[in-house]
Amino acid sequence: LTFVMGQRYIETSKIMPAGIVAALSALMSGFYLYKIATGGNHF
């Protein structure tokens, strides 16, 4: 979603929905990569 919506934002320069979804997905990608690096959920 980060890649696809980022490309769409670059092509159209429309914040809604492409820019918002790309930014949110980039944040979520960072969070998920952090979770993978730290071993997943901790109990």
PDB file of all heavy atoms in Angstrom:
ATOM      1  N   LEU A   1       0.828  -1.210   0.000  1.00  0.00           N
ATOM      2  CA  LEU A   1       0.000   0.000   0.000  1.00  0.00           C
ATOM      3  C   LEU A   1       0.863   1.261   0.000  1.00  0.00           C
ATOM      4  O   LEU A   1       0.525   2.243  -0.671  1.00  0.00           O
ATOM      5  CB  LEU A   1      -0.945   0.006   1.196  1.00  0.00           C
ATOM      6  CG  LEU A   1      -2.181  -0.858   1.040  1.00  0.00           C
ATOM      7  CD1 LEU A   1      -2.898  -0.999   2.376  1.00  0.00           C
ATOM      8  CD2 LEU A   1      -3.119  -0.290  -0.001  1.00  0.00           C
ATOM      9  N   THR A   2       1.967   1.242   0.736  1.00  0.00           N
ATOM     10  CA  THR A   2       2.869   2.397   0.739  1.00  0.00           C
ATOM     11  C   THR A   2       3.391   2.662  -0.660  1.00  0.00           C
ATOM     12  O   THR A   2       3.380   3.808  -1.135  1.00  0.00           O
ATOM     13  CB  THR A   2       4.048   2.158   1.702  1.00  0.00           C
ATOM     14  OG1 THR A   2       3.541   1.944   3.018  1.00  0.00           O
ATOM     15  CG2 THR A   2       5.002   3.336   1.702  1.00  0.00           C
ATOM     16  N   PHE A   3       3.837   1.621  -1.338  1.00  0.00           N
ATOM     17  CA  PHE A   3       4.391   1.775  -2.679  1.00  0.00           C
ATOM     18  C   PHE A   3       3.331   2.223  -3.685  1.00  0.00           C
ATOM     19  O   PHE A   3       3.517   3.212  -4.404  1.00  0.00           O
ATOM     20  CB  PHE A   3       5.028   0.458  -3.141  1.00  0.00           C
ATOM     21  CG  PHE A   3       5.588   0.537  -4.528  1.00  0.00           C
ATOM     22  CD1 PHE A   3       6.780   1.199  -4.765  1.00  0.00           C
ATOM     23  CD2 PHE A   3       4.919  -0.026  -5.593  1.00  0.00           C
ATOM     24  CE1 PHE A   3       7.298   1.289  -6.048  1.00  0.00           C
ATOM     25  CE2 PHE A   3       5.420   0.053  -6.878  1.00  0.00           C
ATOM     26  CZ  PHE A   3       6.611   0.714  -7.110  1.00  0.00           C
ATOM     27  N   VAL A   4       2.206   1.508  -3.729  1.00  0.00           N
ATOM     28  CA  VAL A   4       1.162   1.801  -4.726  1.00  0.00           C
ATOM     29  C   VAL A   4       0.566   3.184  -4.514  1.00  0.00           C
ATOM     30  O   VAL A   4       0.448   3.978  -5.458  1.00  0.00           O
ATOM     31  CB  VAL A   4       0.068   0.710  -4.698  1.00  0.00           C
ATOM     32  CG1 VAL A   4      -1.130   1.109  -5.530  1.00  0.00           C
ATOM     33  CG2 VAL A   4       0.627  -0.615  -5.177  1.00  0.00           C
ATOM     34  N   MET A   5       0.192   3.495  -3.284  1.00  0.00           N
ATOM     35  CA  MET A   5      -0.435   4.788  -3.030  1.00  0.00           C
ATOM     36  C   MET A   5       0.594   5.920  -3.087  1.00  0.00           C
ATOM     37  O   MET A   5       0.255   7.051  -3.436  1.00  0.00           O
ATOM     38  CB  MET A   5      -1.181   4.778  -1.701  1.00  0.00           C
ATOM     39  CG  MET A   5      -2.351   3.804  -1.689  1.00  0.00           C
ATOM     40  SD  MET A   5      -3.496   4.021  -3.075  1.00  0.00           S
ATOM     41  CE  MET A   5      -4.563   5.260  -2.411  1.00  0.00           C
ATOM     42  N   GLY A   6       1.842   5.632  -2.764  1.00  0.00           N
ATOM     43  CA  GLY A   6       2.905   6.625  -2.926  1.00  0.00           C
ATOM     44  C   GLY A   6       3.101   6.978  -4.392  1.00  0.00           C
ATOM     45  O   GLY A   6       3.253   8.158  -4.748  1.00  0.00           O
ATOM     46  N   GLN A   7       3.086   5.968  -5.258  1.00  0.00           N
ATOM     47  CA  GLN A   7       3.181   6.212  -6.700  1.00  0.00           C
ATOM     48  C   GLN A   7       1.990   7.034  -7.197  1.00  0.00           C
ATOM     49  O   GLN A   7       2.145   7.958  -7.993  1.00  0.00           O
ATOM     50  CB  GLN A   7       3.245   4.886  -7.463  1.00  0.00           C
ATOM     51  CG  GLN A   7       4.537   4.144  -7.290  1.00  0.00           C
ATOM     52  CD  GLN A   7       5.710   4.895  -7.904  1.00  0.00           C
ATOM     53  OE1 GLN A   7       5.613   5.476  -8.963  1.00  0.00           O
ATOM     54  NE2 GLN A   7       6.822   4.885  -7.199  1.00  0.00           N
ATOM     55  N   ARG A   8       0.803   6.685  -6.704  1.00  0.00           N
ATOM     56  CA  ARG A   8      -0.397   7.426  -7.114  1.00  0.00           C
ATOM     57  C   ARG A   8      -0.330   8.878  -6.645  1.00  0.00           C
ATOM     58  O   ARG A   8      -0.724   9.789  -7.365  1.00  0.00           O
ATOM     59  CB  ARG A   8      -1.647   6.746  -6.570  1.00  0.00           C
ATOM     60  CG  ARG A   8      -2.914   7.417  -7.072  1.00  0.00           C
ATOM     61  CD  ARG A   8      -4.134   6.595  -6.853  1.00  0.00           C
ATOM     62  NE  ARG A   8      -4.042   5.387  -7.660  1.00  0.00           N
ATOM     63  CZ  ARG A   8      -4.706   4.276  -7.385  1.00  0.00           C
ATOM     64  NH1 ARG A   8      -5.477   4.216  -6.324  1.00  0.00           N
ATOM     65  NH2 ARG A   8      -4.595   3.227  -8.149  1.00  0.00           N
ATOM     66  N   TYR A   9       0.192   9.091  -5.432  1.00  0.00           N
ATOM     67  CA  TYR A   9       0.333  10.459  -4.925  1.00  0.00           C
ATOM     68  C   TYR A   9       1.327  11.251  -5.776  1.00  0.00           C
ATOM     69  O   TYR A   9       1.094  12.419  -6.093  1.00  0.00           O
ATOM     70  CB  TYR A   9       0.766  10.460  -3.462  1.00  0.00           C
ATOM     71  CG  TYR A   9       1.064  11.842  -2.958  1.00  0.00           C
ATOM     72  CD1 TYR A   9       0.028  12.752  -2.740  1.00  0.00           C
ATOM     73  CD2 TYR A   9       2.363  12.262  -2.738  1.00  0.00           C
ATOM     74  CE1 TYR A   9       0.303  14.045  -2.304  1.00  0.00           C
ATOM     75  CE2 TYR A   9       2.640  13.540  -2.305  1.00  0.00           C
ATOM     76  CZ  TYR A   9       1.604  14.426  -2.089  1.00  0.00           C
ATOM     77  OH  TYR A   9       1.868  15.699  -1.673  1.00  0.00           O
ATOM     78  N   ILE A  10       2.435  10.617  -6.152  1.00  0.00           N
ATOM     79  CA  ILE A  10       3.436  11.295  -6.983  1.00  0.00           C
ATOM     80  C   ILE A  10       2.837  11.684  -8.337  1.00  0.00           C
ATOM     81  O   ILE A  10       3.092  12.774  -8.848  1.00  0.00           O
ATOM     82  CB  ILE A  10       4.685  10.403  -7.152  1.00  0.00           C
ATOM     83  CG1 ILE A  10       5.447  10.327  -5.827  1.00  0.00           C
ATOM     84  CG2 ILE A  10       5.586  10.918  -8.266  1.00  0.00           C
ATOM     85  CD1 ILE A  10       6.527   9.269  -5.795  1.00  0.00           C
ATOM     86  N   GLU A  11       2.008  10.803  -8.908  1.00  0.00           N
ATOM     87  CA  GLU A  11       1.401  11.077 -10.214  1.00  0.00           C
ATOM     88  C   GLU A  11       0.322  12.152 -10.157  1.00  0.00           C
ATOM     89  O   GLU A  11       0.217  12.977 -11.059  1.00  0.00           O
ATOM     90  CB  GLU A  11       0.788   9.799 -10.784  1.00  0.00           C
ATOM     91  CG  GLU A  11       1.799   8.758 -11.189  1.00  0.00           C
ATOM     92  CD  GLU A  11       1.163   7.425 -11.528  1.00  0.00           C
ATOM     93  OE1 GLU A  11      -0.087   7.324 -11.521  1.00  0.00           O
ATOM     94  OE2 GLU A  11       1.918   6.471 -11.794  1.00  0.00           O
ATOM     95  N   THR A  12      -0.504  12.121  -9.094  1.00  0.00           N
ATOM     96  CA  THR A  12      -1.677  13.007  -9.051  1.00  0.00           C
ATOM     97  C   THR A  12      -1.524  14.195  -8.104  1.00  0.00           C
ATOM     98  O   THR A  12      -2.286  15.153  -8.215  1.00  0.00           O
ATOM     99  CB  THR A  12      -2.929  12.222  -8.619  1.00  0.00           C
ATOM    100  OG1 THR A  12      -2.755  11.755  -7.279  1.00  0.00           O
ATOM    101  CG2 THR A  12      -3.205  11.064  -9.559  1.00  0.00           C
ATOM    102  N   SER A  13      -0.620  14.127  -7.154  1.00  0.00           N
ATOM    103  CA  SER A  13      -0.447  15.132  -6.096  1.00  0.00           C
ATOM    104  C   SER A  13      -1.713  15.343  -5.265  1.00  0.00           C
ATOM    105  O   SER A  13      -1.896  16.403  -4.680  1.00  0.00           O
ATOM    106  CB  SER A  13       0.006  16.470  -6.693  1.00  0.00           C
ATOM    107  OG  SER A  13       1.245  16.325  -7.324  1.00  0.00           O
ATOM    108  N   LYS A  14      -2.573  14.333  -5.215  1.00  0.00           N
ATOM    109  CA  LYS A  14      -3.795  14.421  -4.407  1.00  0.00           C
ATOM    110  C   LYS A  14      -3.532  13.844  -3.020  1.00  0.00           C
ATOM    111  O   LYS A  14      -3.132  12.705  -2.877  1.00  0.00           O
ATOM    112  CB  LYS A  14      -4.938  13.661  -5.080  1.00  0.00           C
ATOM    113  CG  LYS A  14      -5.422  14.323  -6.349  1.00  0.00           C
ATOM    114  CD  LYS A  14      -6.625  13.604  -6.908  1.00  0.00           C
ATOM    115  CE  LYS A  14      -7.104  14.304  -8.165  1.00  0.00           C
ATOM    116  NZ  LYS A  14      -8.266  13.631  -8.740  1.00  0.00           N
ATOM    117  N   ILE A  15      -3.785  14.690  -2.024  1.00  0.00           N
ATOM    118  CA  ILE A  15      -3.589  14.261  -0.641  1.00  0.00           C
ATOM    119  C   ILE A  15      -4.602  13.182  -0.262  1.00  0.00           C
ATOM    120  O   ILE A  15      -4.257  12.221   0.413  1.00  0.00           O
ATOM    121  CB  ILE A  15      -3.734  15.471   0.322  1.00  0.00           C
ATOM    122  CG1 ILE A  15      -2.626  16.473   0.076  1.00  0.00           C
ATOM    123  CG2 ILE A  15      -3.756  15.037   1.767  1.00  0.00           C
ATOM    124  CD1 ILE A  15      -1.265  16.026   0.495  1.00  0.00           C
ATOM    125  N   MET A  16      -5.839  13.359  -0.714  1.00  0.00           N
ATOM    126  CA  MET A  16      -6.898  12.421  -0.349  1.00  0.00           C
ATOM    127  C   MET A  16      -7.296  11.633  -1.568  1.00  0.00           C
ATOM    128  O   MET A  16      -7.683  12.232  -2.574  1.00  0.00           O
ATOM    129  CB  MET A  16      -8.082  13.211   0.212  1.00  0.00           C
ATOM    130  CG  MET A  16      -9.116  12.383   0.857  1.00  0.00           C
ATOM    131  SD  MET A  16      -8.398  11.591   2.282  1.00  0.00           S
ATOM    132  CE  MET A  16      -9.783  10.673   2.830  1.00  0.00           C
ATOM    133  N   PRO A  17      -7.257  10.340  -1.569  1.00  0.00           N
ATOM    134  CA  PRO A  17      -6.839   9.424  -0.504  1.00  0.00           C
ATOM    135  C   PRO A  17      -5.383   8.990  -0.600  1.00  0.00           C
ATOM    136  O   PRO A  17      -4.841   8.441   0.355  1.00  0.00           O
ATOM    137  CB  PRO A  17      -7.756   8.227  -0.711  1.00  0.00           C
ATOM    138  CG  PRO A  17      -7.927   8.144  -2.190  1.00  0.00           C
ATOM    139  CD  PRO A  17      -7.928   9.598  -2.660  1.00  0.00           C
ATOM    140  N   ALA A  18      -4.742   9.212  -1.764  1.00  0.00           N
ATOM    141  CA  ALA A  18      -3.426   8.619  -2.014  1.00  0.00           C
ATOM    142  C   ALA A  18      -2.376   9.051  -0.990  1.00  0.00           C
ATOM    143  O   ALA A  18      -1.654   8.206  -0.448  1.00  0.00           O
ATOM    144  CB  ALA A  18      -2.962   8.957  -3.422  1.00  0.00           C
ATOM    145  N   GLY A  19      -2.253  10.331  -0.708  1.00  0.00           N
ATOM    146  CA  GLY A  19      -1.235  10.817   0.219  1.00  0.00           C
ATOM    147  C   GLY A  19      -1.461  10.326   1.635  1.00  0.00           C
ATOM    148  O   GLY A  19      -0.515   9.914   2.326  1.00  0.00           O
ATOM    149  N   ILE A  20      -2.712  10.357   2.078  1.00  0.00           N
ATOM    150  CA  ILE A  20      -3.044   9.910   3.437  1.00  0.00           C
ATOM    151  C   ILE A  20      -2.762   8.421   3.599  1.00  0.00           C
ATOM    152  O   ILE A  20      -2.139   8.001   4.581  1.00  0.00           O
ATOM    153  CB  ILE A  20      -4.531  10.214   3.756  1.00  0.00           C
ATOM    154  CG1 ILE A  20      -4.821  11.714   3.659  1.00  0.00           C
ATOM    155  CG2 ILE A  20      -4.940   9.635   5.099  1.00  0.00           C
ATOM    156  CD1 ILE A  20      -4.185  12.552   4.725  1.00  0.00           C
ATOM    157  N   VAL A  21      -3.242   7.624   2.647  1.00  0.00           N
ATOM    158  CA  VAL A  21      -3.051   6.172   2.742  1.00  0.00           C
ATOM    159  C   VAL A  21      -1.565   5.828   2.642  1.00  0.00           C
ATOM    160  O   VAL A  21      -1.077   4.955   3.366  1.00  0.00           O
ATOM    161  CB  VAL A  21      -3.887   5.426   1.677  1.00  0.00           C
ATOM    162  CG1 VAL A  21      -3.560   3.940   1.658  1.00  0.00           C
ATOM    163  CG2 VAL A  21      -5.371   5.633   1.929  1.00  0.00           C
ATOM    164  N   ALA A  22      -0.819   6.496   1.768  1.00  0.00           N
ATOM    165  CA  ALA A  22       0.614   6.234   1.641  1.00  0.00           C
ATOM    166  C   ALA A  22       1.339   6.559   2.941  1.00  0.00           C
ATOM    167  O   ALA A  22       2.180   5.782   3.407  1.00  0.00           O
ATOM    168  CB  ALA A  22       1.200   7.029   0.484  1.00  0.00           C
ATOM    169  N   ALA A  23       1.025   7.701   3.545  1.00  0.00           N
ATOM    170  CA  ALA A  23       1.680   8.103   4.793  1.00  0.00           C
ATOM    171  C   ALA A  23       1.325   7.155   5.941  1.00  0.00           C
ATOM    172  O   ALA A  23       2.202   6.717   6.692  1.00  0.00           O
ATOM    173  CB  ALA A  23       1.302   9.535   5.149  1.00  0.00           C
ATOM    174  N   LEU A  24       0.037   6.837   6.067  1.00  0.00           N
ATOM    175  CA  LEU A  24      -0.400   5.922   7.124  1.00  0.00           C
ATOM    176  C   LEU A  24       0.223   4.543   6.933  1.00  0.00           C
ATOM    177  O   LEU A  24       0.684   3.923   7.899  1.00  0.00           O
ATOM    178  CB  LEU A  24      -1.927   5.831   7.134  1.00  0.00           C
ATOM    179  CG  LEU A  24      -2.554   4.931   8.190  1.00  0.00           C
ATOM    180  CD1 LEU A  24      -2.186   5.415   9.587  1.00  0.00           C
ATOM    181  CD2 LEU A  24      -4.057   4.900   8.020  1.00  0.00           C
ATOM    182  N   SER A  25       0.265   4.077   5.694  1.00  0.00           N
ATOM    183  CA  SER A  25       0.844   2.765   5.415  1.00  0.00           C
ATOM    184  C   SER A  25       2.343   2.756   5.671  1.00  0.00           C
ATOM    185  O   SER A  25       2.893   1.750   6.126  1.00  0.00           O
ATOM    186  CB  SER A  25       0.541   2.349   3.972  1.00  0.00           C
ATOM    187  OG  SER A  25      -0.853   2.192   3.804  1.00  0.00           O
ATOM    188  N   ALA A  26       3.030   3.863   5.392  1.00  0.00           N
ATOM    189  CA  ALA A  26       4.459   3.956   5.691  1.00  0.00           C
ATOM    190  C   ALA A  26       4.700   3.876   7.200  1.00  0.00           C
ATOM    191  O   ALA A  26       5.626   3.185   7.654  1.00  0.00           O
ATOM    192  CB  ALA A  26       5.040   5.241   5.119  1.00  0.00           C
ATOM    193  N   LEU A  27       3.861   4.556   7.975  1.00  0.00           N
ATOM    194  CA  LEU A  27       3.970   4.468   9.439  1.00  0.00           C
ATOM    195  C   LEU A  27       3.728   3.049   9.928  1.00  0.00           C
ATOM    196  O   LEU A  27       4.463   2.532  10.777  1.00  0.00           O
ATOM    197  CB  LEU A  27       2.984   5.425  10.110  1.00  0.00           C
ATOM    198  CG  LEU A  27       3.310   6.903  10.021  1.00  0.00           C
ATOM    199  CD1 LEU A  27       2.146   7.741  10.547  1.00  0.00           C
ATOM    200  CD2 LEU A  27       4.567   7.211  10.805  1.00  0.00           C
ATOM    201  N   MET A  28       2.711   2.408   9.384  1.00  0.00           N
ATOM    202  CA  MET A  28       2.387   1.043   9.785  1.00  0.00           C
ATOM    203  C   MET A  28       3.505   0.082   9.358  1.00  0.00           C
ATOM    204  O   MET A  28       3.830  -0.842  10.105  1.00  0.00           O
ATOM    205  CB  MET A  28       1.044   0.609   9.208  1.00  0.00           C
ATOM    206  CG  MET A  28      -0.146   1.354   9.793  1.00  0.00           C
ATOM    207  SD  MET A  28      -0.278   1.257  11.585  1.00  0.00           S
ATOM    208  CE  MET A  28      -0.641  -0.470  11.803  1.00  0.00           C
ATOM    209  N   SER A  29       4.089   0.300   8.192  1.00  0.00           N
ATOM    210  CA  SER A  29       5.207  -0.541   7.745  1.00  0.00           C
ATOM    211  C   SER A  29       6.365  -0.442   8.737  1.00  0.00           C
ATOM    212  O   SER A  29       6.962  -1.461   9.101  1.00  0.00           O
ATOM    213  CB  SER A  29       5.687  -0.107   6.361  1.00  0.00           C
ATOM    214  OG  SER A  29       4.705  -0.315   5.393  1.00  0.00           O
ATOM    215  N   GLY A  30       6.680   0.776   9.159  1.00  0.00           N
ATOM    216  CA  GLY A  30       7.734   0.961  10.156  1.00  0.00           C
ATOM    217  C   GLY A  30       7.421   0.255  11.458  1.00  0.00           C
ATOM    218  O   GLY A  30       8.297  -0.387  12.065  1.00  0.00           O
ATOM    219  N   PHE A  31       6.179   0.342  11.891  1.00  0.00           N
ATOM    220  CA  PHE A  31       5.758  -0.329  13.126  1.00  0.00           C
ATOM    221  C   PHE A  31       5.891  -1.845  12.994  1.00  0.00           C
ATOM    222  O   PHE A  31       6.425  -2.512  13.887  1.00  0.00           O
ATOM    223  CB  PHE A  31       4.316   0.060  13.467  1.00  0.00           C
ATOM    224  CG  PHE A  31       3.732  -0.707  14.619  1.00  0.00           C
ATOM    225  CD1 PHE A  31       4.181  -0.497  15.909  1.00  0.00           C
ATOM    226  CD2 PHE A  31       2.729  -1.642  14.408  1.00  0.00           C
ATOM    227  CE1 PHE A  31       3.652  -1.212  16.972  1.00  0.00           C
ATOM    228  CE2 PHE A  31       2.187  -2.347  15.460  1.00  0.00           C
ATOM    229  CZ  PHE A  31       2.653  -2.144  16.752  1.00  0.00           C
ATOM    230  N   TYR A  32       5.428  -2.394  11.870  1.00  0.00           N
ATOM    231  CA  TYR A  32       5.503  -3.841  11.671  1.00  0.00           C
ATOM    232  C   TYR A  32       6.954  -4.320  11.579  1.00  0.00           C
ATOM    233  O   TYR A  32       7.291  -5.375  12.123  1.00  0.00           O
ATOM    234  CB  TYR A  32       4.728  -4.273  10.428  1.00  0.00           C
ATOM    235  CG  TYR A  32       3.239  -4.047  10.531  1.00  0.00           C
ATOM    236  CD1 TYR A  32       2.524  -3.566   9.450  1.00  0.00           C
ATOM    237  CD2 TYR A  32       2.539  -4.326  11.693  1.00  0.00           C
ATOM    238  CE1 TYR A  32       1.155  -3.359   9.525  1.00  0.00           C
ATOM    239  CE2 TYR A  32       1.169  -4.118  11.785  1.00  0.00           C
ATOM    240  CZ  TYR A  32       0.478  -3.638  10.698  1.00  0.00           C
ATOM    241  OH  TYR A  32      -0.871  -3.440  10.782  1.00  0.00           O
ATOM    242  N   LEU A  33       7.795  -3.565  10.901  1.00  0.00           N
ATOM    243  CA  LEU A  33       9.206  -3.936  10.823  1.00  0.00           C
ATOM    244  C   LEU A  33       9.863  -3.891  12.205  1.00  0.00           C
ATOM    245  O   LEU A  33      10.705  -4.737  12.534  1.00  0.00           O
ATOM    246  CB  LEU A  33       9.941  -3.035   9.827  1.00  0.00           C
ATOM    247  CG  LEU A  33       9.545  -3.247   8.358  1.00  0.00           C
ATOM    248  CD1 LEU A  33      10.149  -2.155   7.484  1.00  0.00           C
ATOM    249  CD2 LEU A  33       9.945  -4.629   7.875  1.00  0.00           C
ATOM    250  N   TYR A  34       9.468  -2.917  13.013  1.00  0.00           N
ATOM    251  CA  TYR A  34       9.946  -2.855  14.397  1.00  0.00           C
ATOM    252  C   TYR A  34       9.502  -4.094  15.177  1.00  0.00           C
ATOM    253  O   TYR A  34      10.284  -4.680  15.923  1.00  0.00           O
ATOM    254  CB  TYR A  34       9.430  -1.574  15.072  1.00  0.00           C
ATOM    255  CG  TYR A  34       9.635  -1.558  16.557  1.00  0.00           C
ATOM    256  CD1 TYR A  34      10.887  -1.294  17.105  1.00  0.00           C
ATOM    257  CD2 TYR A  34       8.576  -1.820  17.422  1.00  0.00           C
ATOM    258  CE1 TYR A  34      11.080  -1.297  18.477  1.00  0.00           C
ATOM    259  CE2 TYR A  34       8.763  -1.823  18.791  1.00  0.00           C
ATOM    260  CZ  TYR A  34      10.007  -1.561  19.321  1.00  0.00           C
ATOM    261  OH  TYR A  34      10.204  -1.572  20.674  1.00  0.00           O
ATOM    262  N   LYS A  35       8.238  -4.490  14.993  1.00  0.00           N
ATOM    263  CA  LYS A  35       7.725  -5.673  15.700  1.00  0.00           C
ATOM    264  C   LYS A  35       8.485  -6.925  15.279  1.00  0.00           C
ATOM    265  O   LYS A  35       8.779  -7.785  16.102  1.00  0.00           O
ATOM    266  CB  LYS A  35       6.222  -5.859  15.452  1.00  0.00           C
ATOM    267  CG  LYS A  35       5.332  -4.789  16.064  1.00  0.00           C
ATOM    268  CD  LYS A  35       5.554  -4.617  17.541  1.00  0.00           C
ATOM    269  CE  LYS A  35       4.927  -5.706  18.353  1.00  0.00           C
ATOM    270  NZ  LYS A  35       5.068  -5.497  19.800  1.00  0.00           N
ATOM    271  N   ILE A  36       8.791  -7.033  13.984  1.00  0.00           N
ATOM    272  CA  ILE A  36       9.557  -8.193  13.515  1.00  0.00           C
ATOM    273  C   ILE A  36      10.955  -8.170  14.130  1.00  0.00           C
ATOM    274  O   ILE A  36      11.455  -9.198  14.607  1.00  0.00           O
ATOM    275  CB  ILE A  36       9.623  -8.219  11.971  1.00  0.00           C
ATOM    276  CG1 ILE A  36       8.243  -8.561  11.393  1.00  0.00           C
ATOM    277  CG2 ILE A  36      10.675  -9.210  11.489  1.00  0.00           C
ATOM    278  CD1 ILE A  36       8.138  -8.394   9.895  1.00  0.00           C
ATOM    279  N   ALA A  37      11.599  -7.000  14.142  1.00  0.00           N
ATOM    280  CA  ALA A  37      12.960  -6.876  14.662  1.00  0.00           C
ATOM    281  C   ALA A  37      13.040  -7.179  16.161  1.00  0.00           C
ATOM    282  O   ALA A  37      14.061  -7.685  16.638  1.00  0.00           O
ATOM    283  CB  ALA A  37      13.504  -5.480  14.387  1.00  0.00           C
ATOM    284  N   THR A  38      11.975  -6.881  16.899  1.00  0.00           N
ATOM    285  CA  THR A  38      11.997  -7.107  18.347  1.00  0.00           C
ATOM    286  C   THR A  38      11.371  -8.431  18.761  1.00  0.00           C
ATOM    287  O   THR A  38      11.209  -8.696  19.945  1.00  0.00           O
ATOM    288  CB  THR A  38      11.289  -5.953  19.092  1.00  0.00           C
ATOM    289  OG1 THR A  38       9.934  -5.862  18.650  1.00  0.00           O
ATOM    290  CG2 THR A  38      12.026  -4.650  18.884  1.00  0.00           C
ATOM    291  N   GLY A  39      11.008  -9.255  17.790  1.00  0.00           N
ATOM    292  CA  GLY A  39      10.516 -10.595  18.127  1.00  0.00           C
ATOM    293  C   GLY A  39       9.023 -10.719  18.274  1.00  0.00           C
ATOM    294  O   GLY A  39       8.532 -11.656  18.906  1.00  0.00           O
ATOM    295  N   GLY A  40       8.256  -9.798  17.742  1.00  0.00           N
ATOM    296  CA  GLY A  40       6.788  -9.911  17.793  1.00  0.00           C
ATOM    297  C   GLY A  40       6.208  -9.368  19.072  1.00  0.00           C
ATOM    298  O   GLY A  40       6.810  -8.538  19.757  1.00  0.00           O
ATOM    299  N   ASN A  41       5.020  -9.858  19.402  1.00  0.00           N
ATOM    300  CA  ASN A  41       4.323  -9.407  20.610  1.00  0.00           C
ATOM    301  C   ASN A  41       4.996  -9.991  21.850  1.00  0.00           C
ATOM    302  O   ASN A  41       5.420 -11.137  21.860  1.00  0.00           O
ATOM    303  CB  ASN A  41       2.851  -9.846  20.577  1.00  0.00           C
ATOM    304  CG  ASN A  41       2.076  -9.152  19.491  1.00  0.00           C
ATOM    305  OD1 ASN A  41       2.295  -7.986  19.230  1.00  0.00           O
ATOM    306  ND2 ASN A  41       1.167  -9.860  18.853  1.00  0.00           N
ATOM    307  N   HIS A  42       5.079  -9.177  22.884  1.00  0.00           N
ATOM    308  CA  HIS A  42       5.649  -9.623  24.143  1.00  0.00           C
ATOM    309  C   HIS A  42       4.515  -9.830  25.127  1.00  0.00           C
ATOM    310  O   HIS A  42       3.522  -9.102  25.135  1.00  0.00           O
ATOM    311  CB  HIS A  42       6.665  -8.612  24.665  1.00  0.00           C
ATOM    312  CG  HIS A  42       7.813  -8.435  23.714  1.00  0.00           C
ATOM    313  ND1 HIS A  42       8.825  -9.342  23.608  1.00  0.00           N
ATOM    314  CD2 HIS A  42       8.066  -7.486  22.799  1.00  0.00           C
ATOM    315  CE1 HIS A  42       9.676  -8.964  22.683  1.00  0.00           C
ATOM    316  NE2 HIS A  42       9.225  -7.813  22.162  1.00  0.00           N
ATOM    317  N   PHE A  43       4.675 -10.815  25.980  1.00  0.00           N
ATOM    318  CA  PHE A  43       3.605 -11.209  26.883  1.00  0.00           C
ATOM    319  C   PHE A  43       3.929 -10.787  28.301  1.00  0.00           C
ATOM    320  O   PHE A  43       5.072 -10.909  28.744  1.00  0.00           O
ATOM    321  CB  PHE A  43       3.420 -12.726  26.830  1.00  0.00           C
ATOM    322  CG  PHE A  43       3.206 -13.230  25.437  1.00  0.00           C
ATOM    323  CD1 PHE A  43       4.245 -13.799  24.716  1.00  0.00           C
ATOM    324  CD2 PHE A  43       1.988 -13.080  24.820  1.00  0.00           C
ATOM    325  CE1 PHE A  43       4.067 -14.225  23.414  1.00  0.00           C
ATOM    326  CE2 PHE A  43       1.792 -13.507  23.513  1.00  0.00           C
ATOM    327  CZ  PHE A  43       2.829 -14.080  22.815  1.00  0.00           C
TER     328      PHE A  43
END
